[in-house]
Amino acid sequence: QLQLVESGGGLVQPGGSLRLSCAASRLTLDYYAIGWFRQAPGKEREGVSCINYSGGSTDYTDSVKGRFTISRDNAKNTVYLEMNSLKPEDTAVYYCHAESLLLKTDYWGQGTQVTLSS
């Protein structure tokens, strides 16, 4: 089974930056599209960004466009989410999700907390 471990979360001031990492182990990420999701207290989990298996196609929810950048390094079996110009509404637990339509499998990480506080 694919194991996903997120890291890089923390406490940051508005306007600050963080880089989240989603590191995979046990299996290669080569066949998986990766999505970053987040869930704020009392709210439903929402999709933030996604990247296809090769890294050639990305997408973002409107609220993070121009501020967040998703990327992947398949050699390191890791996907990143660079988050800039952070806002209080970005506070949430961030999860990565790997999905393979070819293999018909998907996996979730355990999440990493991002908190904006002045």
C-alpha atoms as a PDB file:
ATOM      1  CA  GLN A   1       0.000   0.000   0.000  1.00  0.00           C
ATOM      2  CA  LEU A   2       1.050   3.551  -0.654  1.00  0.00           C
ATOM      3  CA  GLN A   3       1.839   5.521   2.473  1.00  0.00           C
ATOM      4  CA  LEU A   4       1.603   9.309   2.381  1.00  0.00           C
ATOM      5  CA  VAL A   5       3.109  11.572   5.018  1.00  0.00           C
ATOM      6  CA  GLU A   6       2.518  15.312   4.986  1.00  0.00           C
ATOM      7  CA  SER A   7       4.872  17.761   6.651  1.00  0.00           C
ATOM      8  CA  GLY A   8       5.704  21.448   6.654  1.00  0.00           C
ATOM      9  CA  GLY A   9       2.680  22.810   8.434  1.00  0.00           C
ATOM     10  CA  GLY A  10       2.917  25.212  11.319  1.00  0.00           C
ATOM     11  CA  LEU A  11       2.013  28.587  12.762  1.00  0.00           C
ATOM     12  CA  VAL A  12       2.597  31.543  10.461  1.00  0.00           C
ATOM     13  CA  GLN A  13       1.588  35.199  10.319  1.00  0.00           C
ATOM     14  CA  PRO A  14      -0.701  36.504   7.601  1.00  0.00           C
ATOM     15  CA  GLY A  15       1.315  37.305   4.517  1.00  0.00           C
ATOM     16  CA  GLY A  16       3.810  34.588   5.332  1.00  0.00           C
ATOM     17  CA  SER A  17       4.750  31.437   3.446  1.00  0.00           C
ATOM     18  CA  LEU A  18       4.935  27.724   4.031  1.00  0.00           C
ATOM     19  CA  ARG A  19       5.911  24.774   1.886  1.00  0.00           C
ATOM     20  CA  LEU A  20       4.030  21.560   2.499  1.00  0.00           C
ATOM     21  CA  SER A  21       5.465  18.230   1.461  1.00  0.00           C
ATOM     22  CA  CYS A  22       3.700  14.967   0.779  1.00  0.00           C
ATOM     23  CA  ALA A  23       6.203  12.137   0.825  1.00  0.00           C
ATOM     24  CA  ALA A  24       5.226   8.704  -0.414  1.00  0.00           C
ATOM     25  CA  SER A  25       6.704   5.402   0.595  1.00  0.00           C
ATOM     26  CA  ARG A  26       6.238   1.698  -0.168  1.00  0.00           C
ATOM     27  CA  LEU A  27       5.069   2.434  -3.714  1.00  0.00           C
ATOM     28  CA  THR A  28       5.997   4.879  -6.443  1.00  0.00           C
ATOM     29  CA  LEU A  29       3.904   7.970  -7.067  1.00  0.00           C
ATOM     30  CA  ASP A  30       4.517   7.705 -10.816  1.00  0.00           C
ATOM     31  CA  TYR A  31       1.020   6.374 -11.538  1.00  0.00           C
ATOM     32  CA  TYR A  32      -0.833   8.734  -9.231  1.00  0.00           C
ATOM     33  CA  ALA A  33      -2.413  12.116  -9.613  1.00  0.00           C
ATOM     34  CA  ILE A  34      -2.033  14.048  -6.381  1.00  0.00           C
ATOM     35  CA  GLY A  35      -4.442  16.454  -4.792  1.00  0.00           C
ATOM     36  CA  TRP A  36      -4.083  18.747  -1.815  1.00  0.00           C
ATOM     37  CA  PHE A  37      -7.230  19.174   0.260  1.00  0.00           C
ATOM     38  CA  ARG A  38      -7.907  21.151   3.405  1.00  0.00           C
ATOM     39  CA  GLN A  39     -10.456  21.101   6.164  1.00  0.00           C
ATOM     40  CA  ALA A  40     -11.082  24.010   8.466  1.00  0.00           C
ATOM     41  CA  PRO A  41     -12.894  23.570  11.804  1.00  0.00           C
ATOM     42  CA  GLY A  42     -16.611  23.152  11.262  1.00  0.00           C
ATOM     43  CA  LYS A  43     -16.269  23.044   7.484  1.00  0.00           C
ATOM     44  CA  GLU A  44     -16.240  20.355   4.845  1.00  0.00           C
ATOM     45  CA  ARG A  45     -13.014  19.182   3.279  1.00  0.00           C
ATOM     46  CA  GLU A  46     -12.310  21.112   0.090  1.00  0.00           C
ATOM     47  CA  GLY A  47      -9.968  20.596  -2.813  1.00  0.00           C
ATOM     48  CA  VAL A  48      -7.124  23.111  -2.994  1.00  0.00           C
ATOM     49  CA  SER A  49      -4.915  21.993  -5.848  1.00  0.00           C
ATOM     50  CA  CYS A  50      -4.071  18.973  -7.948  1.00  0.00           C
ATOM     51  CA  ILE A  51      -1.341  17.780 -10.280  1.00  0.00           C
ATOM     52  CA  ASN A  52      -1.360  14.968 -12.787  1.00  0.00           C
ATOM     53  CA  TYR A  53       1.049  12.016 -12.757  1.00  0.00           C
ATOM     54  CA  SER A  54       3.679  13.725 -14.904  1.00  0.00           C
ATOM     55  CA  GLY A  55       3.384  17.200 -13.415  1.00  0.00           C
ATOM     56  CA  GLY A  56       2.362  18.625 -16.741  1.00  0.00           C
ATOM     57  CA  SER A  57      -1.101  19.654 -15.655  1.00  0.00           C
ATOM     58  CA  THR A  58      -2.126  21.500 -12.513  1.00  0.00           C
ATOM     59  CA  ASP A  59      -5.264  23.102 -11.182  1.00  0.00           C
ATOM     60  CA  TYR A  60      -6.200  25.330  -8.253  1.00  0.00           C
ATOM     61  CA  THR A  61      -9.304  26.410  -6.467  1.00  0.00           C
ATOM     62  CA  ASP A  62     -10.054  30.073  -7.098  1.00  0.00           C
ATOM     63  CA  SER A  63      -9.247  31.215  -3.571  1.00  0.00           C
ATOM     64  CA  VAL A  64      -5.588  30.142  -3.846  1.00  0.00           C
ATOM     65  CA  LYS A  65      -4.812  30.940  -7.474  1.00  0.00           C
ATOM     66  CA  GLY A  66      -1.746  33.122  -7.767  1.00  0.00           C
ATOM     67  CA  ARG A  67      -0.688  32.337  -4.187  1.00  0.00           C
ATOM     68  CA  PHE A  68      -0.189  28.549  -4.095  1.00  0.00           C
ATOM     69  CA  THR A  69       1.945  26.413  -6.387  1.00  0.00           C
ATOM     70  CA  ILE A  70       1.813  22.635  -6.591  1.00  0.00           C
ATOM     71  CA  SER A  71       4.737  20.645  -7.913  1.00  0.00           C
ATOM     72  CA  ARG A  72       6.108  17.133  -7.818  1.00  0.00           C
ATOM     73  CA  ASP A  73       9.465  15.425  -7.872  1.00  0.00           C
ATOM     74  CA  ASN A  74       8.854  11.848  -8.900  1.00  0.00           C
ATOM     75  CA  ALA A  75      12.504  10.984  -8.335  1.00  0.00           C
ATOM     76  CA  LYS A  76      12.001  11.891  -4.669  1.00  0.00           C
ATOM     77  CA  ASN A  77       8.477  10.442  -4.589  1.00  0.00           C
ATOM     78  CA  THR A  78       7.277  13.736  -3.156  1.00  0.00           C
ATOM     79  CA  VAL A  79       4.693  16.380  -3.988  1.00  0.00           C
ATOM     80  CA  TYR A  80       4.898  19.946  -2.724  1.00  0.00           C
ATOM     81  CA  LEU A  81       2.496  22.788  -2.089  1.00  0.00           C
ATOM     82  CA  GLU A  82       4.182  26.161  -1.935  1.00  0.00           C
ATOM     83  CA  MET A  83       1.883  28.589  -0.145  1.00  0.00           C
ATOM     84  CA  ASN A  84       2.570  32.329  -0.268  1.00  0.00           C
ATOM     85  CA  SER A  85       0.670  35.413   0.876  1.00  0.00           C
ATOM     86  CA  LEU A  86      -1.160  33.300   3.412  1.00  0.00           C
ATOM     87  CA  LYS A  87      -4.438  34.548   4.795  1.00  0.00           C
ATOM     88  CA  PRO A  88      -6.330  33.716   8.008  1.00  0.00           C
ATOM     89  CA  GLU A  89      -8.878  31.797   5.935  1.00  0.00           C
ATOM     90  CA  ASP A  90      -6.109  29.402   4.878  1.00  0.00           C
ATOM     91  CA  THR A  91      -6.080  27.990   8.395  1.00  0.00           C
ATOM     92  CA  ALA A  92      -6.922  24.294   8.125  1.00  0.00           C
ATOM     93  CA  VAL A  93      -5.581  20.777   8.243  1.00  0.00           C
ATOM     94  CA  TYR A  94      -4.047  20.056   4.854  1.00  0.00           C
ATOM     95  CA  TYR A  95      -4.190  16.564   3.413  1.00  0.00           C
ATOM     96  CA  CYS A  96      -2.667  15.014   0.344  1.00  0.00           C
ATOM     97  CA  HIS A  97      -4.539  12.446  -1.683  1.00  0.00           C
ATOM     98  CA  ALA A  98      -3.137  10.085  -4.301  1.00  0.00           C
ATOM     99  CA  GLU A  99      -5.406   8.601  -6.935  1.00  0.00           C
ATOM    100  CA  SER A 100      -4.627   6.205  -9.755  1.00  0.00           C
ATOM    101  CA  LEU A 101      -7.345   5.607 -12.326  1.00  0.00           C
ATOM    102  CA  LEU A 102      -5.103   2.943 -13.873  1.00  0.00           C
ATOM    103  CA  LEU A 103      -4.652   1.015 -10.645  1.00  0.00           C
ATOM    104  CA  LYS A 104      -8.104   1.944  -9.310  1.00  0.00           C
ATOM    105  CA  THR A 105      -6.703   2.886  -5.915  1.00  0.00           C
ATOM    106  CA  ASP A 106      -6.475   5.990  -3.796  1.00  0.00           C
ATOM    107  CA  TYR A 107      -4.841   6.942  -0.525  1.00  0.00           C
ATOM    108  CA  TRP A 108      -4.946   9.768   2.020  1.00  0.00           C
ATOM    109  CA  GLY A 109      -2.250  11.142   4.253  1.00  0.00           C
ATOM    110  CA  GLN A 110      -2.811  11.940   7.899  1.00  0.00           C
ATOM    111  CA  GLY A 111      -2.757  15.710   7.446  1.00  0.00           C
ATOM    112  CA  THR A 112      -0.653  18.626   8.613  1.00  0.00           C
ATOM    113  CA  GLN A 113      -1.989  21.665  10.480  1.00  0.00           C
ATOM    114  CA  VAL A 114      -1.575  25.147   9.044  1.00  0.00           C
ATOM    115  CA  THR A 115      -2.531  27.980  11.374  1.00  0.00           C
ATOM    116  CA  LEU A 116      -2.513  31.664  10.578  1.00  0.00           C
ATOM    117  CA  SER A 117      -2.181  33.921  13.585  1.00  0.00           C
ATOM    118  CA  SER A 118      -0.997  37.446  14.124  1.00  0.00           C
END
